[in-house]
Each structure stands twice: as C-alpha cells, then as structure tokens.
Amino acid sequence: MWAVSLFYGLSGLWGVFAIPLAYAGALPVDPQVAEYLVRLGPLHAAVNVAGALLLVAAATALLLLRSLAVGLWTALLAFRVVFSILSLALAGLPPGQLGSAGLLLALPGFAAVIAVVFYARRLRARGVLR
C-alpha cells in the first residue's frame, strides 16, 4: 500500500507541475508533441492538472487508510476514461501512438488503476480503511 500510494502520489505531483510547464513551453518537448498540446488547448491542460490533483488526493487517502480512498480511486478511473475519450475526440492520438497498438499500450495504465480500486475496496471490506 505504501508503494502504491507513494508512486501514484509522486506521479500526481509531477503532473501538477509538469503539465502547465509543458503547455507553457518551459519543458522541452518534441515539435509533434508541442503541436498536439496546442490542438488540445489550455482548458485541456487545466482539466489534466485537476486529474493530477485527484490522483494526489486518492493516493493520500489510501496512504492515510481512509475509506474515502475507494471513492477517490473510482472517481479517478472514471475521470481517466472520460478524459481519454475526449482527448481522442478533440485531437486524435498523441504523437508516437500508432493506431490501435498505441491504444493497447495505454491499457496497462487503466488496468493498474482498476487494480488499485479493487485493492482499496478489499481493504475497506476488511476494515483496514476507516
């Protein structure tokens, strides 16, 4: 649980800072990625940062053994699914993603979040989360 919480918490914190920097051009990115970010626009960046903050909240709740973690992880999963669909609809595949093979590469990320949702639910059922 500690490893999961710390990994996702640090990933979320990185996202909170890196996403605005990438959109502002302060982080070096490939020209194709820069063009993709322009197509998505600043609202996409703001929503992406909100998702990163949700990730930090979910990881923190799990680390602190709060039953709220179940709802936050479930919300994060729903957020990621909807956000991914909207991103694809607005700007297509990110650079470097090759059709359905690229989409298949995203599945382990979704599977990991699903696993954490089930893990948190199991912890709550066992009375570990308060």
Protein backbone atom coordinates (compact mmCIF):
# COMPACT_ATOMS: atom_id res chain seq x y z
CA MET A 1 0.00 0.00 0.00
CA TRP A 2 2.84 2.38 0.80
CA ALA A 3 4.49 1.75 -2.54
CA VAL A 4 1.24 2.26 -4.44
CA SER A 5 0.42 5.46 -2.58
CA LEU A 6 3.90 6.91 -2.92
CA PHE A 7 4.23 6.00 -6.61
CA TYR A 8 0.88 7.48 -7.56
CA GLY A 9 1.25 10.44 -5.19
CA LEU A 10 4.61 11.40 -6.68
CA SER A 11 3.28 10.84 -10.20
CA GLY A 12 0.36 13.15 -9.46
CA LEU A 13 2.63 15.82 -8.00
CA TRP A 14 4.85 15.61 -11.07
CA GLY A 15 1.76 16.04 -13.25
CA VAL A 16 0.59 19.09 -11.30
CA PHE A 17 3.85 20.88 -12.11
CA ALA A 18 4.92 19.33 -15.42
CA ILE A 19 1.63 19.74 -17.30
CA PRO A 20 1.48 23.56 -17.03
CA LEU A 21 5.20 23.79 -17.79
CA ALA A 22 4.81 21.66 -20.91
CA TYR A 23 1.84 23.71 -22.13
CA ALA A 24 3.75 26.94 -21.44
CA GLY A 25 6.73 25.70 -23.41
CA ALA A 26 9.05 25.72 -20.38
CA LEU A 27 9.66 21.95 -20.65
CA PRO A 28 11.36 20.87 -23.84
CA VAL A 29 9.09 18.63 -25.92
CA ASP A 30 9.23 17.33 -29.48
CA PRO A 31 7.65 19.62 -32.08
CA GLN A 32 4.95 17.00 -32.71
CA VAL A 33 4.06 16.95 -29.00
CA ALA A 34 4.00 20.77 -28.89
CA GLU A 35 1.60 20.80 -31.86
CA TYR A 36 -0.58 18.19 -30.15
CA LEU A 37 -0.73 20.29 -26.96
CA VAL A 38 -1.74 23.35 -28.99
CA ARG A 39 -4.57 21.35 -30.60
CA LEU A 40 -5.83 20.35 -27.15
CA GLY A 41 -5.74 23.89 -25.75
CA PRO A 42 -5.45 25.43 -22.28
CA LEU A 43 -8.75 24.05 -20.98
CA HIS A 44 -7.40 20.57 -21.58
CA ALA A 45 -4.31 21.48 -19.56
CA ALA A 46 -6.45 22.74 -16.67
CA VAL A 47 -8.55 19.58 -16.66
CA ASN A 48 -5.38 17.50 -16.86
CA VAL A 49 -4.00 19.28 -13.77
CA ALA A 50 -7.32 18.65 -12.00
CA GLY A 51 -6.88 14.94 -12.78
CA ALA A 52 -3.36 15.05 -11.35
CA LEU A 53 -4.72 16.68 -8.18
CA LEU A 54 -7.39 13.96 -7.95
CA LEU A 55 -4.60 11.40 -8.22
CA VAL A 56 -2.69 13.06 -5.36
CA ALA A 57 -5.86 13.11 -3.22
CA ALA A 58 -6.60 9.43 -3.95
CA ALA A 59 -3.03 8.37 -3.16
CA THR A 60 -3.01 10.41 0.04
CA ALA A 61 -6.33 8.97 1.21
CA LEU A 62 -5.03 5.45 0.62
CA LEU A 63 -1.78 6.21 2.41
CA LEU A 64 -3.74 7.55 5.39
CA LEU A 65 -6.02 4.49 5.31
CA ARG A 66 -9.19 6.50 4.75
CA SER A 67 -12.28 4.83 3.31
CA LEU A 68 -12.64 7.93 1.14
CA ALA A 69 -9.84 6.39 -0.94
CA VAL A 70 -12.32 3.98 -2.56
CA GLY A 71 -14.48 6.80 -3.89
CA LEU A 72 -11.49 8.87 -4.98
CA TRP A 73 -9.86 6.00 -6.88
CA THR A 74 -13.19 5.14 -8.51
CA ALA A 75 -13.66 8.79 -9.50
CA LEU A 76 -10.10 8.85 -10.86
CA LEU A 77 -10.80 5.80 -13.01
CA ALA A 78 -13.98 7.35 -14.40
CA PHE A 79 -12.18 10.64 -14.95
CA ARG A 80 -9.37 8.95 -16.88
CA VAL A 81 -11.76 7.02 -19.12
CA VAL A 82 -13.85 10.10 -19.98
CA PHE A 83 -10.79 12.33 -20.31
CA SER A 84 -9.08 9.86 -22.66
CA ILE A 85 -12.15 9.59 -24.87
CA LEU A 86 -12.50 13.38 -25.03
CA SER A 87 -8.80 13.83 -25.80
CA LEU A 88 -9.04 11.34 -28.65
CA ALA A 89 -12.15 13.07 -29.96
CA LEU A 90 -10.59 16.53 -29.80
CA ALA A 91 -7.08 15.93 -31.04
CA GLY A 92 -6.68 12.32 -32.11
CA LEU A 93 -3.85 10.10 -30.96
CA PRO A 94 -0.85 11.65 -29.21
CA PRO A 95 2.39 11.71 -31.22
CA GLY A 96 4.14 8.36 -31.11
CA GLN A 97 0.91 6.39 -30.73
CA LEU A 98 0.41 4.09 -33.66
CA GLY A 99 -3.28 3.35 -34.15
CA SER A 100 -4.78 0.56 -32.10
CA ALA A 101 -1.33 -0.61 -30.99
CA GLY A 102 -0.84 2.74 -29.26
CA LEU A 103 -4.19 2.43 -27.58
CA LEU A 104 -3.24 -1.04 -26.37
CA LEU A 105 -0.17 0.47 -24.75
CA ALA A 106 -2.47 2.64 -22.61
CA LEU A 107 -4.37 -0.35 -21.25
CA PRO A 108 -1.81 -1.29 -18.55
CA GLY A 109 -2.26 2.16 -17.03
CA PHE A 110 -6.01 1.68 -16.84
CA ALA A 111 -5.53 -1.86 -15.54
CA ALA A 112 -3.28 -0.57 -12.75
CA VAL A 113 -5.88 1.96 -11.62
CA ILE A 114 -8.60 -0.71 -11.76
CA ALA A 115 -6.40 -2.94 -9.61
CA VAL A 116 -5.97 -0.16 -7.06
CA VAL A 117 -9.75 0.40 -6.99
CA PHE A 118 -10.31 -3.28 -6.20
CA TYR A 119 -7.45 -3.25 -3.68
CA ALA A 120 -8.94 -0.24 -1.87
CA ARG A 121 -12.40 -1.88 -1.86
CA ARG A 122 -10.90 -5.03 -0.37
CA LEU A 123 -9.11 -3.02 2.31
CA ARG A 124 -12.36 -1.26 3.17
CA ALA A 125 -14.25 -4.58 3.35
CA ARG A 126 -11.60 -5.98 5.71
CA GLY A 127 -11.91 -2.92 7.95
CA VAL A 128 -8.41 -1.62 7.24
CA LEU A 129 -9.68 1.70 5.90
CA ARG A 130 -11.51 3.88 8.40
